[in-house]
Protein backbone atom coordinates (compact mmCIF):
# COMPACT_ATOMS: atom_id res chain seq x y z
CA MET A 1 32.12 169.76 205.89
CA LYS A 2 33.30 172.59 203.68
CA PRO A 3 32.19 176.13 204.48
CA PRO A 4 29.30 177.60 202.47
CA ILE A 5 29.98 179.83 199.52
CA LYS A 6 28.69 183.46 199.78
CA LEU A 7 26.61 184.46 196.74
CA LYS A 8 27.17 187.97 195.60
CA SER A 9 24.95 188.36 192.48
CA LEU A 10 21.87 187.09 190.76
CA GLU A 11 24.00 186.53 187.61
CA THR A 12 26.21 184.04 189.66
CA ILE A 13 23.15 182.16 190.74
CA LYS A 14 21.88 182.01 187.24
CA GLN A 15 25.19 180.79 185.83
CA LYS A 16 25.61 178.09 188.58
CA SER A 17 22.04 176.94 188.17
CA ILE A 18 22.59 176.53 184.42
CA LYS A 19 25.79 174.55 185.15
CA THR A 20 24.16 172.14 187.56
CA GLY A 21 21.00 171.74 185.59
CA ASN A 22 19.16 171.11 188.83
CA GLY A 23 19.21 174.43 190.48
CA LEU A 24 21.33 175.81 193.23
CA ASP A 25 20.95 174.61 196.84
CA CYS A 26 21.34 177.66 199.00
CA PHE A 27 20.22 179.38 202.22
CA ILE A 28 19.61 182.72 203.73
CA ALA A 29 21.50 183.18 207.00
CA LEU A 30 19.01 184.56 209.51
CA ALA A 31 19.56 185.93 213.06
CA GLY A 32 23.28 186.40 212.55
CA GLY A 33 23.68 182.89 211.12
CA LEU A 34 21.99 181.13 213.96
CA MET A 35 19.12 179.98 211.67
CA ARG A 36 18.72 179.18 207.87
CA SER A 37 16.04 179.49 205.28
CA SER A 38 16.96 176.79 202.72
CA LYS A 39 16.00 177.23 199.12
CA ASN A 40 16.71 175.72 195.66
CA ILE A 41 16.89 178.28 192.93
CA TYR A 42 16.71 177.27 189.36
CA TRP A 43 16.91 179.46 186.31
CA ASN A 44 14.56 178.20 183.49
CA GLY A 45 15.69 180.67 180.95
CA LYS A 46 12.82 183.16 181.64
CA LYS A 47 12.32 183.12 185.38
CA TYR A 48 13.74 181.86 188.62
CA LYS A 49 11.97 178.86 190.12
CA ILE A 50 12.31 178.98 193.97
CA LEU A 51 11.68 176.04 196.11
CA ASN A 52 11.18 177.04 199.71
CA GLU A 53 12.29 173.96 201.44
CA ILE A 54 10.70 174.87 204.74
CA ASP A 55 7.18 174.23 203.46
CA GLY A 56 7.71 172.84 199.92
CA THR A 57 6.13 175.83 198.19
CA THR A 58 7.42 177.08 194.92
CA GLN A 59 7.56 180.43 193.18
CA ASN A 60 8.35 181.52 189.75
CA LEU A 61 9.76 184.96 189.83
CA THR A 62 11.31 187.48 187.47
CA GLU A 63 14.56 189.19 188.45
CA LYS A 64 12.60 192.38 189.33
CA GLN A 65 10.41 190.26 191.77
CA ILE A 66 13.52 188.58 193.27
CA PHE A 67 14.44 192.08 194.55
CA ASP A 68 10.80 192.88 195.66
CA GLU A 69 10.33 191.97 199.37
CA ARG A 70 6.63 191.40 198.74
CA TYR A 71 7.63 188.15 196.93
CA THR A 72 10.86 186.97 198.65
CA ASN A 73 13.74 188.13 200.75
CA ILE A 74 16.36 186.63 198.42
CA GLY A 75 17.25 190.01 196.82
CA LYS A 76 17.65 191.60 200.29
CA ALA A 77 19.81 188.69 201.43
CA LEU A 78 22.08 189.25 198.31
CA LYS A 79 22.27 192.91 199.07
CA VAL A 80 23.38 192.37 202.76
CA GLY A 81 25.63 189.35 202.12
CA ALA A 82 23.38 186.75 203.74
CA LEU A 83 22.82 184.41 200.81
CA TYR A 84 24.98 181.29 200.67
CA GLN A 85 25.43 178.19 198.51
CA TYR A 86 25.67 174.95 200.40
CA ASN A 87 29.07 173.45 199.62
CA PHE A 88 28.63 169.64 199.83
């Protein structure tokens, strides 16, 4: 299995999501990498559609909301280098 790819910006997520057409399968590394919070992030041209794979819930968030911890911890994960793309 190939190592995951560290995601460094929301723009990268947007471009990769557009390229795949199905969103980006990624995860937030938790507890120093011992646990993962898996997500699919899809850019629909206006908002990011987030599928939280742990419970199947979805969120439609603006870029501002992505960086607001009241909505998600994706922005924080980007800032601290804990957001990765699965590399199948």
